Amino acid sequence: MPFYQRVFYRFWWWVCLIVATFVFRFRRFGLHNVPKEGPFLIVANHESFLDPVITGLAIAHKPVTALARKSLFKNPIFGAVLRSIGVTPIDDNGGDIATIKLSIRLLREGHVVSLFPEGSRTHDGKIQPFKKGALLLIRKSTAPILPIAVAGAYKTWPRSQKLPKFFGNHVAINVGKPIDHDDLLKDGPDAALRRLEQVIQALRDEMDPIIDSHGRRV
């Protein structure tokens, strides 16, 4: 990422953190688990459109590379803003394979990449089964996996609403311990996927009483 993009990214990172904290009472837990150096793959549950932003707010020391549909870049002004903060366009017609190849290249170059293995936002707030397609990226990247659980984002911005509910709801993330690539896959790909589901569900469950203590049950 060029210098000007790093500056722009850092500016918007702080803007998003301030807005999320003020508007959504955003809280972060487990930040001590974030690797201090090297590439890693963020794996998180997918509750709303807020997820890529709030999971990125867990990483303060380097940019998180997000992948976005190419159609979002049709507006030249909006497209320029996306590119300026390091968002990479991918083919709308999915190129799941193209996306995986791009993600692997970014990880090998030392970047941090986000992955939401459910494939789409939850319909009911519960963590949906992780899709096996995510294993292709996990297996080929060889990067450590950083599990992050999202809580409260579904109530704040369910897929049935065009806009989020401002003020009144709470959103939080919980960062788990990094998982070594080889350790995750030692019992096979299916076991690896189940383990990730269980780890993120456990991280998600840890936040229930914390969110509830502020007056909202997620």
Foldseek 3Di string as FASTA:
>chain_A
DDPQLFVLLLVVLVVLVVQCCVWAVEDEADLVQDDPFFEEEEEEAAAAPCVVNNVQNSDNPAGEEEEDAPVQCPPVVSVVSCVSNRYHHDHPVDPLVVVLVVLLVCRVVGHYYYDYQVPHHDQPQDGDQGDLSVLVSLQRNQHWYKYKYKPFVNQQHPPVDPHGNTPDTHIYMYIDHIHGSCNLDVPHSVSSSVVSVVVRVVRHVVCQVVRVVVPDGD
